[in-house]
Amino acid sequence: MRYALGLPTVGIFGEIGPLVDLAVSAESHGWDGIQLWDHLLFDEPGWPVTSSTVAAAAIAARTSRVQLILTVVLPRRQVQDVARDTAALSALSGGRLTVLATIGSLDEEYAAFGLDPSLRARGRALDAGLSTLTGLWSSWGVPRMPIWCGGRWPRRAGLRRAARFDGAAPLFDAARTVEDVAEAGRFLRGLGGDHLDLTIEGASSTAAEVTPYAAAGATWWVEALGWWRGDLAAAAARIAQGPPRA
């Protein structure tokens, strides 16, 4: 199992400077990756929201080892811009970029800009966008970087999509159990083989809380940081404790 930090790009985390500082600290304390959110708006009025793409570029320039896991809500983006930006980020980081493609969590980020917020429309747009994205990389001679896809277990559509690429980062409808993760992993690997990554997000303080998920088939643990766990100082303190390796 590998260990990443999940960093919001909103609220007290909605500024590039603190995000870069946290990522640099993560690299020095043994974390394997940084996952960044992707939002245009947020459901707390007045909260700042920063660019995940700019944050990823700044982090790439200040680090040398950690994997950059960039969440991209592809159906509300211009795919050609995403293709260009991710190609540049991959080059800047020395090939350390993973794209986490999702349909997003906020309907308003679609509706407020004249886009269809229905899940069906977003799913179709995600499939079309992924096809265009990989086609553009290929036509430009860009080595294809890993693509993970989001989803919500026990719904199957997201994991079926993920099996066509390199891995899945599912969310769960109810309180997650280790068996839920094992079931999702069995379904995913039944579609695509053992090469697929399975990423699980949560909050931990000890390795014992995480080890069962590795045994259940998870290959990445994303330590979810955010305002619900305290301020930026609390996030920095958790990072300094290091990843919950067994």
Protein backbone atom coordinates (compact mmCIF):
# COMPACT_ATOMS: atom_id res chain seq x y z
CA MET A 1 0.00 0.00 0.00
CA ARG A 2 1.05 3.58 -0.71
CA TYR A 3 -0.04 6.64 1.23
CA ALA A 4 -1.23 10.02 -0.02
CA LEU A 5 -2.66 13.16 1.51
CA GLY A 6 -6.05 14.39 0.37
CA LEU A 7 -5.97 18.19 0.32
CA PRO A 8 -9.06 20.36 -0.21
CA THR A 9 -8.73 23.47 -2.34
CA VAL A 10 -11.47 25.41 -0.54
CA GLY A 11 -11.93 27.35 2.67
CA ILE A 12 -8.81 27.60 4.81
CA PHE A 13 -7.13 25.33 2.26
CA GLY A 14 -8.14 27.62 -0.60
CA GLU A 15 -4.77 29.33 -1.08
CA ILE A 16 -1.82 28.06 -3.10
CA GLY A 17 0.92 28.94 -0.60
CA PRO A 18 -0.34 26.82 2.32
CA LEU A 19 -1.10 23.90 -0.01
CA VAL A 20 2.48 23.94 -1.33
CA ASP A 21 3.89 24.13 2.20
CA LEU A 22 1.82 21.11 3.27
CA ALA A 23 2.89 19.13 0.19
CA VAL A 24 6.59 19.90 0.71
CA SER A 25 6.27 18.79 4.33
CA ALA A 26 4.51 15.62 3.20
CA GLU A 27 7.38 14.70 0.92
CA SER A 28 9.92 15.22 3.70
CA HIS A 29 7.86 13.08 6.10
CA GLY A 30 7.61 10.04 3.87
CA TRP A 31 4.20 10.37 2.21
CA ASP A 32 3.92 8.91 -1.30
CA GLY A 33 1.38 11.24 -2.92
CA ILE A 34 -0.75 14.38 -2.81
CA GLN A 35 -4.37 14.33 -3.99
CA LEU A 36 -5.97 17.69 -4.78
CA TRP A 37 -9.71 18.41 -4.98
CA ASP A 38 -11.29 20.12 -8.01
CA HIS A 39 -13.98 22.76 -7.42
CA LEU A 40 -15.29 25.94 -8.98
CA LEU A 41 -17.73 26.69 -6.16
CA PHE A 42 -18.37 25.31 -2.72
CA ASP A 43 -21.48 24.94 -0.59
CA GLU A 44 -20.21 27.26 2.15
CA PRO A 45 -20.94 30.88 1.09
CA GLY A 46 -17.90 33.12 0.98
CA TRP A 47 -15.28 30.38 1.11
CA PRO A 48 -12.31 30.87 -1.22
CA VAL A 49 -11.78 28.23 -3.90
CA THR A 50 -8.40 27.96 -5.60
CA SER A 51 -7.23 26.27 -8.80
CA SER A 52 -6.15 22.68 -8.34
CA THR A 53 -4.19 22.86 -11.62
CA VAL A 54 -2.15 25.85 -10.47
CA ALA A 55 -1.64 24.23 -7.06
CA ALA A 56 -0.41 21.02 -8.72
CA ALA A 57 2.05 22.99 -10.85
CA ALA A 58 3.41 24.81 -7.81
CA ILE A 59 3.74 21.55 -5.88
CA ALA A 60 5.45 19.85 -8.84
CA ALA A 61 8.02 22.64 -8.92
CA ARG A 62 8.80 22.30 -5.20
CA THR A 63 8.90 18.50 -4.87
CA SER A 64 10.80 15.67 -6.52
CA ARG A 65 9.28 12.38 -5.36
CA VAL A 66 5.59 12.49 -4.38
CA GLN A 67 2.94 11.40 -6.88
CA LEU A 68 0.54 14.20 -7.84
CA ILE A 69 -3.04 12.93 -7.95
CA LEU A 70 -5.07 15.62 -9.67
CA THR A 71 -8.84 15.34 -9.39
CA VAL A 72 -10.43 16.58 -12.62
CA VAL A 73 -14.20 17.03 -12.94
CA LEU A 74 -13.93 16.38 -16.65
CA PRO A 75 -17.57 16.87 -17.79
CA ARG A 76 -17.50 20.57 -16.88
CA ARG A 77 -14.06 21.21 -18.40
CA GLN A 78 -12.88 21.90 -21.94
CA VAL A 79 -11.11 18.62 -22.64
CA GLN A 80 -8.49 20.15 -24.90
CA ASP A 81 -7.45 22.47 -22.06
CA VAL A 82 -7.25 19.53 -19.65
CA ALA A 83 -5.13 17.61 -22.17
CA ARG A 84 -2.71 20.51 -22.54
CA ASP A 85 -2.50 21.25 -18.82
CA THR A 86 -2.00 17.64 -17.76
CA ALA A 87 0.65 17.10 -20.44
CA ALA A 88 2.51 20.15 -19.11
CA LEU A 89 2.10 19.01 -15.50
CA SER A 90 3.38 15.55 -16.31
CA ALA A 91 6.45 17.02 -17.96
CA LEU A 92 7.04 19.53 -15.15
CA SER A 93 6.80 16.81 -12.50
CA GLY A 94 8.97 14.30 -14.35
CA GLY A 95 6.08 11.91 -14.96
CA ARG A 96 4.60 12.04 -11.46
CA LEU A 97 1.02 12.92 -12.43
CA THR A 98 -2.05 10.71 -12.00
CA VAL A 99 -5.40 12.03 -13.26
CA LEU A 100 -8.44 11.20 -11.11
CA ALA A 101 -11.42 11.75 -13.42
CA THR A 102 -14.82 12.26 -11.78
CA ILE A 103 -18.29 13.67 -12.48
CA GLY A 104 -18.05 15.95 -9.43
CA SER A 105 -20.12 16.23 -6.28
CA LEU A 106 -21.92 19.58 -6.67
CA ASP A 107 -24.81 20.00 -9.10
CA GLU A 108 -24.49 23.78 -8.82
CA GLU A 109 -21.06 23.71 -10.46
CA TYR A 110 -22.90 22.59 -13.59
CA ALA A 111 -26.21 24.41 -13.35
CA ALA A 112 -24.66 27.78 -12.49
CA PHE A 113 -22.77 27.76 -15.78
CA GLY A 114 -25.50 26.45 -18.06
CA LEU A 115 -24.45 22.78 -18.03
CA ASP A 116 -26.75 19.79 -17.51
CA PRO A 117 -26.30 18.63 -13.90
CA SER A 118 -28.03 15.25 -14.33
CA LEU A 119 -25.90 12.26 -13.40
CA ARG A 120 -26.70 10.52 -16.67
CA ALA A 121 -25.52 13.49 -18.74
CA ARG A 122 -22.39 13.86 -16.62
CA GLY A 123 -21.56 10.17 -17.01
CA ARG A 124 -21.90 10.33 -20.79
CA ALA A 125 -19.77 13.48 -20.89
CA LEU A 126 -17.11 11.83 -18.73
CA ASP A 127 -16.85 8.83 -21.05
CA ALA A 128 -16.62 11.09 -24.11
CA GLY A 129 -14.10 13.33 -22.37
CA LEU A 130 -11.82 10.46 -21.42
CA SER A 131 -11.81 9.20 -24.99
CA THR A 132 -10.91 12.66 -26.29
CA LEU A 133 -8.30 13.20 -23.57
CA THR A 134 -6.38 10.02 -24.29
CA GLY A 135 -6.72 10.60 -28.03
CA LEU A 136 -5.17 14.05 -27.74
CA TRP A 137 -2.30 12.79 -25.60
CA SER A 138 -1.61 10.11 -28.20
CA SER A 139 -1.76 12.52 -31.15
CA TRP A 140 0.62 14.90 -29.37
CA GLY A 141 3.07 12.13 -28.49
CA VAL A 142 2.44 12.49 -24.76
CA PRO A 143 3.08 9.29 -22.75
CA ARG A 144 -0.26 8.30 -21.25
CA MET A 145 -0.26 9.02 -17.55
CA PRO A 146 -2.28 6.87 -15.14
CA ILE A 147 -6.01 7.57 -15.03
CA TRP A 148 -8.15 6.66 -12.05
CA CYS A 149 -11.92 7.07 -12.08
CA GLY A 150 -14.24 8.01 -9.25
CA GLY A 151 -17.46 6.23 -8.42
CA ARG A 152 -19.86 5.47 -5.60
CA TRP A 153 -20.04 1.89 -4.39
CA PRO A 154 -22.21 -0.23 -4.49
CA ARG A 155 -23.18 1.38 -7.82
CA ARG A 156 -21.19 -0.35 -10.53
CA ALA A 157 -20.88 2.27 -13.29
CA GLY A 158 -17.87 4.11 -11.88
CA LEU A 159 -15.86 0.95 -11.31
CA ARG A 160 -16.73 -0.40 -14.76
CA ARG A 161 -15.35 2.84 -16.19
CA ALA A 162 -12.27 2.61 -13.97
CA ALA A 163 -11.50 -0.91 -15.20
CA ARG A 164 -10.88 0.51 -18.67
CA PHE A 165 -8.05 2.59 -17.28
CA ASP A 166 -5.68 2.22 -14.32
CA GLY A 167 -7.66 2.30 -11.11
CA ALA A 168 -10.61 3.43 -9.03
CA ALA A 169 -11.22 5.82 -6.16
CA PRO A 170 -14.71 4.87 -4.97
CA LEU A 171 -16.78 6.59 -2.34
CA PHE A 172 -19.30 4.64 -0.26
CA ASP A 173 -22.99 5.31 0.38
CA ALA A 174 -23.00 4.23 4.01
CA ALA A 175 -20.47 3.75 6.78
CA ARG A 176 -17.64 1.89 5.08
CA THR A 177 -16.47 -1.50 6.26
CA VAL A 178 -13.43 -3.52 5.29
CA GLU A 179 -15.74 -6.03 3.60
CA ASP A 180 -17.22 -3.22 1.48
CA VAL A 181 -13.72 -2.45 0.23
CA ALA A 182 -12.98 -6.11 -0.37
CA GLU A 183 -16.20 -6.51 -2.35
CA ALA A 184 -15.43 -3.45 -4.49
CA GLY A 185 -11.91 -4.74 -5.06
CA ARG A 186 -13.14 -8.15 -6.15
CA PHE A 187 -15.57 -6.54 -8.58
CA LEU A 188 -12.91 -4.22 -10.00
CA ARG A 189 -10.29 -6.91 -10.44
CA GLY A 190 -12.84 -9.26 -11.95
CA LEU A 191 -13.20 -6.69 -14.72
CA GLY A 192 -9.61 -5.75 -15.31
CA GLY A 193 -7.00 -7.82 -13.57
CA ASP A 194 -4.53 -7.28 -10.76
CA HIS A 195 -2.85 -4.20 -12.26
CA LEU A 196 -5.68 -1.87 -11.22
CA ASP A 197 -5.22 0.46 -8.27
CA LEU A 198 -7.91 0.73 -5.61
CA THR A 199 -7.78 3.93 -3.59
CA ILE A 200 -9.52 4.35 -0.23
CA GLU A 201 -9.92 7.63 1.63
CA GLY A 202 -10.21 8.02 5.38
CA ALA A 203 -8.79 9.48 8.58
CA SER A 204 -6.23 7.55 10.59
CA SER A 205 -3.91 7.96 13.53
CA THR A 206 -2.35 4.47 13.63
CA ALA A 207 -1.30 1.83 11.12
CA ALA A 208 -3.70 -0.67 12.71
CA GLU A 209 -6.63 1.36 11.38
CA VAL A 210 -5.37 1.10 7.79
CA THR A 211 -3.74 -2.33 7.52
CA PRO A 212 -7.06 -4.23 7.13
CA TYR A 213 -7.82 -2.22 3.99
CA ALA A 214 -4.51 -3.27 2.46
CA ALA A 215 -5.39 -6.88 3.19
CA ALA A 216 -8.78 -6.27 1.51
CA GLY A 217 -7.07 -5.19 -1.71
CA ALA A 218 -6.63 -1.42 -1.43
CA THR A 219 -3.37 -0.21 -2.98
CA TRP A 220 -3.53 3.46 -1.91
CA TRP A 221 -4.68 5.06 1.33
CA VAL A 222 -5.60 8.75 1.05
CA GLU A 223 -5.45 10.53 4.40
CA ALA A 224 -8.31 13.02 4.15
CA LEU A 225 -7.35 16.38 5.60
CA GLY A 226 -9.68 19.34 5.89
CA TRP A 227 -11.35 21.87 8.16
CA TRP A 228 -13.36 19.10 9.83
CA ARG A 229 -10.09 17.87 11.37
CA GLY A 230 -8.90 21.30 12.49
CA ASP A 231 -6.95 24.22 11.09
CA LEU A 232 -3.85 24.31 8.89
CA ALA A 233 -1.63 23.78 11.93
CA ALA A 234 -3.53 20.57 12.75
CA ALA A 235 -3.08 19.39 9.16
CA ALA A 236 0.64 20.12 9.35
CA ALA A 237 0.88 18.17 12.61
CA ARG A 238 -0.83 15.13 11.12
CA ILE A 239 1.47 15.25 8.10
CA ALA A 240 4.51 15.37 10.38
CA GLN A 241 3.38 12.17 12.09
CA GLY A 242 4.00 10.39 8.79
CA PRO A 243 1.92 7.88 6.88
CA PRO A 244 0.22 5.00 8.74
CA ARG A 245 2.56 2.33 7.44
CA ALA A 246 2.45 -1.08 9.08
